[in-house]
Amino acid sequence: MIRKITVILLGLMLFIPVKGLAASDANILIDMHYLVVSPAEDGSTNLMNMVDYTNKSAEEYKGDDQNEAVLTVTLPEGAKDLNFLDNKIAFKQVDKGFITTTSIPGNQTMVLPYSYRMPKDKEINLTVDYPVQMLQILVPEGRGSIEIKGAQSTNQGLFKFDDQNYWGYSIENLKAGQSFKLEYNKDIQPKADSTSQTQETGGTAKNTSVTHTAPAFHNPGHLRMWAQSPLHRFNPHIFLIILGAIVIAGLSYYAYFRRKARFESERLGADKEEKAFKLLMSKQKAIMDKIIELEETFGDGKLTEEEYHAKLEAYKQHLVQVKLNLRNFVE
């Protein structure tokens, strides 16, 4: 079960676009934190984490230079059996959690996968060490439900991933050092139409009921394609709006210029036809003039009868051809 959840978390982390957000260190961003909560056989609670840290700077990030820690992770009081799931990242356990000692290359993301267990009936008090843009809490269907106190949350409903259904809960824009309480009950299942949220008021946790429905969970395949694209730092919804506007404008301009070109072509075609018609009329007039001139020349005795009839026949054939071409314009 733990291995399957780890694979799911690794997959989900590939789907999330990177967005800018101030962190306690201006160079470090936490774009997304996935947390899968499920019961263990001994009654304790498994918490699988996948946290996305991004170095916004072009320079390698090595921490604050005051100690060896690059990143600091605080675990809830009572957490045990810490399991760090990436052997390529060096880490050390400390009193309240662990630290990493592997630097983060410039403009790159480091994903920290780790898990731990909380004893049965032990309160889960979570504290974030950096501002978090989005914390996504997942509970496998039929494995219980959670209640969040001390931070505003949204029940995203049920969605399917890797042949497993999950209930999704999201918390946005957590501040560095902010704490909230996570109450997990494996025996109580969420309602299908549940949209309850909790929010923090004046630093005191308070249950509040809201009426708006949480947004649907995005298709993981779409999220993965977006995360792997060069545009992943942009807000995808705003980007789609802009892209839609560009496409509509492009289609409008294309239709306009195509229509204009068609009109221009029709106009040019009409001009060509008009020129051709005028040319045929000019030829017809010229032939008629030649026939009249020929008759005058023959009447003056300057041509023999044989020459007269030969030229007249040639003029008549030319005139017939011109008249046939003119008929194409009037019929």
Protein backbone atom coordinates (compact mmCIF):
# COMPACT_ATOMS: atom_id res chain seq x y z
CA MET A 1 0.00 0.00 0.00
CA ILE A 2 2.81 2.43 0.90
CA ARG A 3 4.65 1.68 -2.33
CA LYS A 4 1.48 2.26 -4.36
CA ILE A 5 0.78 5.56 -2.63
CA THR A 6 4.38 6.62 -3.24
CA VAL A 7 4.03 5.93 -6.96
CA ILE A 8 0.76 7.88 -7.03
CA LEU A 9 2.35 10.84 -5.29
CA LEU A 10 5.30 10.84 -7.66
CA GLY A 11 2.90 10.76 -10.56
CA LEU A 12 0.76 13.56 -9.21
CA MET A 13 3.77 15.78 -8.67
CA LEU A 14 4.52 15.60 -12.39
CA PHE A 15 1.10 17.05 -13.16
CA ILE A 16 1.36 20.30 -11.25
CA PRO A 17 2.45 23.55 -13.01
CA VAL A 18 5.08 25.67 -11.30
CA LYS A 19 3.93 29.13 -10.20
CA GLY A 20 5.76 31.96 -8.51
CA LEU A 21 5.08 32.59 -4.86
CA ALA A 22 7.16 34.27 -2.19
CA ALA A 23 8.79 31.93 0.31
CA SER A 24 10.57 32.57 3.55
CA ASP A 25 13.67 32.62 1.37
CA ALA A 26 12.85 34.66 -1.72
CA ASN A 27 14.56 32.07 -3.90
CA ILE A 28 12.59 29.06 -2.69
CA LEU A 29 8.98 28.31 -3.64
CA ILE A 30 6.70 25.50 -2.51
CA ASP A 31 4.38 25.06 -5.43
CA MET A 32 2.56 21.94 -4.29
CA HIS A 33 2.44 19.68 -1.28
CA TYR A 34 0.63 16.36 -1.59
CA LEU A 35 -0.31 14.53 1.59
CA VAL A 36 -1.97 11.09 1.51
CA VAL A 37 -3.57 10.08 4.81
CA SER A 38 -4.47 6.44 5.43
CA PRO A 39 -4.77 4.02 8.37
CA ALA A 40 -2.06 1.53 9.27
CA GLU A 41 -2.71 -2.02 10.44
CA ASP A 42 -1.71 -1.24 14.01
CA GLY A 43 -4.22 1.60 14.25
CA SER A 44 -1.72 4.39 13.66
CA THR A 45 -2.00 6.85 10.79
CA ASN A 46 0.27 6.86 7.74
CA LEU A 47 1.11 10.23 6.22
CA MET A 48 2.79 10.12 2.82
CA ASN A 49 4.22 13.46 1.67
CA MET A 50 5.39 14.73 -1.68
CA VAL A 51 6.60 18.33 -1.57
CA ASP A 52 7.69 20.39 -4.57
CA TYR A 53 10.42 22.96 -3.81
CA THR A 54 11.51 25.25 -6.65
CA ASN A 55 14.64 27.36 -6.77
CA LYS A 56 13.51 30.57 -8.43
CA SER A 57 17.04 31.92 -8.73
CA ALA A 58 19.36 31.13 -11.61
CA GLU A 59 22.08 30.35 -9.05
CA GLU A 60 22.43 27.13 -7.10
CA TYR A 61 20.67 27.30 -3.71
CA LYS A 62 22.69 25.98 -0.76
CA GLY A 63 20.71 27.36 2.18
CA ASP A 64 21.28 30.42 4.34
CA ASP A 65 25.00 29.64 4.92
CA GLN A 66 24.41 29.64 8.70
CA ASN A 67 24.36 25.85 8.90
CA GLU A 68 24.44 22.83 6.65
CA ALA A 69 20.67 22.78 6.14
CA VAL A 70 19.42 23.54 2.65
CA LEU A 71 15.76 22.84 3.42
CA THR A 72 14.11 22.39 6.80
CA VAL A 73 11.06 20.19 7.36
CA THR A 74 9.15 20.25 10.67
CA LEU A 75 7.19 17.11 11.54
CA PRO A 76 4.20 16.93 13.90
CA GLU A 77 4.94 16.22 17.53
CA GLY A 78 4.86 12.48 18.10
CA ALA A 79 5.75 11.56 14.52
CA LYS A 80 7.74 8.34 14.21
CA ASP A 81 9.18 5.93 11.65
CA LEU A 82 10.36 8.64 9.27
CA ASN A 83 11.06 7.14 5.87
CA PHE A 84 12.83 9.28 3.27
CA LEU A 85 11.96 7.92 -0.16
CA ASP A 86 14.69 9.44 -2.36
CA ASN A 87 18.22 8.20 -1.77
CA LYS A 88 19.64 10.80 -4.15
CA ILE A 89 18.87 13.60 -1.69
CA ALA A 90 20.93 13.70 1.50
CA PHE A 91 19.01 14.34 4.72
CA LYS A 92 19.49 14.30 8.47
CA GLN A 93 16.98 13.90 11.26
CA VAL A 94 16.84 16.68 13.83
CA ASP A 95 14.77 17.21 16.97
CA LYS A 96 11.63 18.50 15.27
CA GLY A 97 11.92 16.87 11.87
CA PHE A 98 14.71 16.66 9.34
CA ILE A 99 16.90 18.78 7.07
CA THR A 100 18.25 18.23 3.58
CA THR A 101 21.86 18.96 2.68
CA THR A 102 21.64 18.59 -1.10
CA SER A 103 21.68 21.91 -2.95
CA ILE A 104 19.02 22.82 -5.51
CA PRO A 105 20.26 23.82 -9.00
CA GLY A 106 19.16 27.16 -10.38
CA ASN A 107 15.68 27.36 -11.88
CA GLN A 108 15.00 23.74 -11.00
CA THR A 109 12.67 21.84 -8.70
CA MET A 110 13.51 19.39 -5.94
CA VAL A 111 10.78 16.93 -4.94
CA LEU A 112 10.96 15.62 -1.38
CA PRO A 113 9.12 12.31 -0.91
CA TYR A 114 8.87 11.12 2.67
CA SER A 115 6.48 9.39 5.03
CA TYR A 116 5.93 9.00 8.75
CA ARG A 117 3.33 7.63 11.15
CA MET A 118 1.29 9.24 13.88
CA PRO A 119 0.19 7.16 16.91
CA LYS A 120 -3.47 6.27 17.24
CA ASP A 121 -5.64 9.04 18.72
CA LYS A 122 -2.69 11.45 18.60
CA GLU A 123 -3.48 14.96 17.39
CA ILE A 124 -1.82 15.87 14.10
CA ASN A 125 -0.61 19.46 14.36
CA LEU A 126 1.07 20.43 11.11
CA THR A 127 3.36 23.44 10.67
CA VAL A 128 4.63 24.67 7.31
CA ASP A 129 8.19 25.96 7.12
CA TYR A 130 7.68 27.89 3.87
CA PRO A 131 4.68 29.56 2.27
CA VAL A 132 2.71 26.89 0.43
CA GLN A 133 0.69 27.72 -2.63
CA MET A 134 -1.39 24.55 -2.52
CA LEU A 135 -1.63 21.70 -0.04
CA GLN A 136 -3.58 18.77 -1.45
CA ILE A 137 -4.71 16.18 1.14
CA LEU A 138 -5.89 12.84 -0.25
CA VAL A 139 -7.77 10.12 1.59
CA PRO A 140 -8.44 6.78 -0.17
CA GLU A 141 -12.14 6.06 -0.56
CA GLY A 142 -13.47 3.95 2.27
CA ARG A 143 -10.44 4.75 4.46
CA GLY A 144 -12.07 7.49 6.51
CA SER A 145 -12.26 11.26 6.39
CA ILE A 146 -10.45 14.28 7.75
CA GLU A 147 -11.43 17.55 9.39
CA ILE A 148 -9.16 20.55 9.11
CA LYS A 149 -9.06 23.22 11.80
CA GLY A 150 -7.05 26.39 11.74
CA ALA A 151 -6.90 26.89 7.99
CA GLN A 152 -9.45 27.43 5.27
CA SER A 153 -9.96 24.27 3.25
CA THR A 154 -12.06 22.99 0.38
CA ASN A 155 -13.51 19.53 -0.10
CA GLN A 156 -12.81 18.77 -3.76
CA GLY A 157 -14.96 15.67 -3.79
CA LEU A 158 -14.17 12.20 -5.06
CA PHE A 159 -11.88 11.54 -8.03
CA LYS A 160 -10.19 8.51 -9.53
CA PHE A 161 -6.50 7.96 -10.07
CA ASP A 162 -4.66 4.74 -10.91
CA ASP A 163 -7.81 2.63 -10.36
CA GLN A 164 -8.20 4.08 -6.87
CA ASN A 165 -10.76 6.64 -5.72
CA TYR A 166 -9.64 9.44 -3.41
CA TRP A 167 -11.35 12.18 -1.47
CA GLY A 168 -9.51 15.44 -2.07
CA TYR A 169 -9.14 18.34 0.35
CA SER A 170 -7.17 21.45 -0.56
CA ILE A 171 -5.69 24.36 1.37
CA GLU A 172 -4.31 27.36 -0.47
CA ASN A 173 -1.79 30.07 0.38
CA LEU A 174 -0.42 28.87 3.70
CA LYS A 175 2.06 31.26 5.26
CA ALA A 176 5.48 30.31 6.58
CA GLY A 177 5.20 29.17 10.18
CA GLN A 178 1.42 28.71 10.00
CA SER A 179 0.02 25.76 11.93
CA PHE A 180 -3.26 23.92 11.62
CA LYS A 181 -4.82 20.78 13.04
CA LEU A 182 -5.69 17.67 11.08
CA GLU A 183 -8.28 15.33 12.63
CA TYR A 184 -8.45 11.95 10.91
CA ASN A 185 -11.14 9.36 11.56
CA LYS A 186 -10.82 6.11 9.64
CA ASP A 187 -14.31 4.98 10.67
CA ILE A 188 -16.28 8.00 9.40
CA GLN A 189 -16.65 8.33 5.64
CA PRO A 190 -17.35 11.70 3.97
CA LYS A 191 -20.73 12.34 2.41
CA ALA A 192 -20.95 12.41 -1.35
CA ASP A 193 -22.33 15.97 -1.37
CA SER A 194 -20.10 17.26 1.41
CA THR A 195 -18.76 20.78 0.82
CA SER A 196 -17.90 21.72 4.40
CA GLN A 197 -14.81 23.82 5.05
CA THR A 198 -12.94 25.14 8.06
CA GLN A 199 -11.30 28.53 8.20
CA GLU A 200 -9.00 30.41 10.50
CA THR A 201 -10.23 33.63 12.11
CA GLY A 202 -7.93 35.75 14.22
CA GLY A 203 -5.54 32.88 14.75
CA THR A 204 -8.26 30.73 16.39
CA ALA A 205 -9.57 27.62 14.74
CA LYS A 206 -13.28 27.79 14.05
CA ASN A 207 -15.69 25.52 12.17
CA THR A 208 -17.56 27.33 9.43
CA SER A 209 -20.06 26.01 6.90
CA VAL A 210 -20.03 27.42 3.39
CA THR A 211 -22.41 26.94 0.52
CA HIS A 212 -20.20 27.06 -2.57
CA THR A 213 -19.11 23.85 -4.23
CA ALA A 214 -15.44 23.04 -4.62
CA PRO A 215 -13.98 23.02 -8.15
CA ALA A 216 -13.63 19.68 -9.86
CA PHE A 217 -10.26 17.95 -9.78
CA HIS A 218 -8.35 18.44 -13.02
CA ASN A 219 -7.68 15.54 -15.33
CA PRO A 220 -4.19 14.23 -14.33
CA GLY A 221 -3.16 13.72 -17.95
CA HIS A 222 -3.89 17.35 -18.77
CA LEU A 223 -1.98 18.51 -15.70
CA ARG A 224 1.02 16.36 -16.64
CA MET A 225 1.13 17.76 -20.17
CA TRP A 226 0.96 21.29 -18.80
CA ALA A 227 3.69 20.64 -16.20
CA GLN A 228 6.02 19.29 -18.89
CA SER A 229 5.43 22.19 -21.25
CA PRO A 230 7.67 25.31 -21.45
CA LEU A 231 4.67 27.39 -20.33
CA HIS A 232 4.22 25.63 -16.98
CA ARG A 233 5.10 28.79 -14.99
CA PHE A 234 2.01 30.59 -16.26
CA ASN A 235 -1.46 30.30 -14.73
CA PRO A 236 -3.08 27.71 -17.03
CA HIS A 237 -6.57 29.21 -16.79
CA ILE A 238 -5.41 32.73 -17.69
CA PHE A 239 -3.20 31.28 -20.42
CA LEU A 240 -6.17 29.45 -21.94
CA ILE A 241 -8.25 32.63 -21.87
CA ILE A 242 -5.47 34.55 -23.65
CA LEU A 243 -4.92 31.70 -26.10
CA GLY A 244 -8.65 31.55 -26.82
CA ALA A 245 -8.73 35.29 -27.45
CA ILE A 246 -5.75 34.99 -29.81
CA VAL A 247 -7.36 32.10 -31.70
CA ILE A 248 -10.67 33.96 -32.03
CA ALA A 249 -8.87 37.11 -33.19
CA GLY A 250 -6.81 35.07 -35.64
CA LEU A 251 -9.88 33.38 -37.09
CA SER A 252 -11.64 36.73 -37.36
CA TYR A 253 -8.70 38.33 -39.17
CA TYR A 254 -8.33 35.27 -41.41
CA ALA A 255 -12.03 35.42 -42.37
CA TYR A 256 -11.79 39.18 -42.93
CA PHE A 257 -8.72 39.06 -45.16
CA ARG A 258 -9.96 35.99 -47.03
CA ARG A 259 -13.25 37.73 -47.74
CA LYS A 260 -11.37 40.86 -48.76
CA ALA A 261 -9.13 38.83 -51.06
CA ARG A 262 -12.16 37.14 -52.58
CA PHE A 263 -13.80 40.49 -53.23
CA GLU A 264 -10.56 41.78 -54.70
CA SER A 265 -10.28 38.70 -56.90
CA GLU A 266 -13.87 39.10 -58.05
CA ARG A 267 -13.26 42.75 -58.79
CA LEU A 268 -10.11 41.94 -60.73
CA GLY A 269 -11.99 39.22 -62.60
CA ALA A 270 -14.73 41.65 -63.44
CA ASP A 271 -12.15 44.15 -64.65
CA LYS A 272 -10.53 41.52 -66.85
CA GLU A 273 -13.87 40.55 -68.34
CA GLU A 274 -14.70 44.17 -68.98
CA LYS A 275 -11.36 44.70 -70.71
CA ALA A 276 -11.83 41.58 -72.80
CA PHE A 277 -15.34 42.70 -73.80
CA LYS A 278 -14.12 46.15 -74.79
CA LEU A 279 -11.28 44.60 -76.78
CA LEU A 280 -13.71 42.38 -78.74
CA MET A 281 -15.97 45.36 -79.43
CA SER A 282 -12.95 47.27 -80.71
CA LYS A 283 -11.98 44.35 -82.96
CA GLN A 284 -15.52 44.09 -84.29
CA LYS A 285 -15.56 47.80 -85.12
CA ALA A 286 -12.12 47.58 -86.72
CA ILE A 287 -13.21 44.65 -88.93
CA MET A 288 -16.36 46.47 -89.99
CA ASP A 289 -14.27 49.51 -90.89
CA LYS A 290 -11.93 47.26 -92.90
CA ILE A 291 -14.88 45.76 -94.79
CA ILE A 292 -16.22 49.24 -95.62
CA GLU A 293 -12.73 50.36 -96.70
CA LEU A 294 -12.39 47.18 -98.81
CA GLU A 295 -15.67 47.91 -100.63
CA GLU A 296 -14.59 51.48 -101.31
CA THR A 297 -11.24 50.29 -102.65
CA PHE A 298 -12.95 47.72 -104.91
CA GLY A 299 -15.43 50.34 -106.11
CA ASP A 300 -12.53 52.59 -107.08
CA GLY A 301 -11.15 49.77 -109.27
CA LYS A 302 -7.99 49.37 -107.22
CA LEU A 303 -8.65 45.67 -106.58
CA THR A 304 -9.57 42.84 -108.83
CA GLU A 305 -12.75 40.95 -108.15
CA GLU A 306 -10.76 37.90 -107.09
CA GLU A 307 -8.69 39.90 -104.56
CA TYR A 308 -11.82 41.59 -103.30
CA HIS A 309 -13.67 38.34 -102.58
CA ALA A 310 -10.60 36.73 -100.95
CA LYS A 311 -10.09 39.62 -98.51
CA LEU A 312 -13.81 39.95 -97.85
CA GLU A 313 -14.04 36.24 -96.97
CA ALA A 314 -11.11 36.58 -94.54
CA TYR A 315 -12.70 39.60 -92.87
CA LYS A 316 -16.03 37.78 -92.55
CA GLN A 317 -14.45 34.73 -90.88
CA HIS A 318 -12.61 36.97 -88.42
CA LEU A 319 -15.83 38.88 -87.74
CA VAL A 320 -17.76 35.65 -87.11
CA GLN A 321 -15.15 34.55 -84.54
CA VAL A 322 -15.32 37.89 -82.77
CA LYS A 323 -19.13 37.78 -82.67
CA LEU A 324 -19.04 34.26 -81.19
CA ASN A 325 -16.72 35.46 -78.43
CA LEU A 326 -18.98 38.42 -77.74
CA ARG A 327 -21.96 36.12 -77.45
CA ASN A 328 -20.27 34.48 -74.39
CA PHE A 329 -20.55 37.79 -72.54
CA VAL A 330 -24.20 38.44 -73.29
CA GLU A 331 -25.65 34.95 -72.93
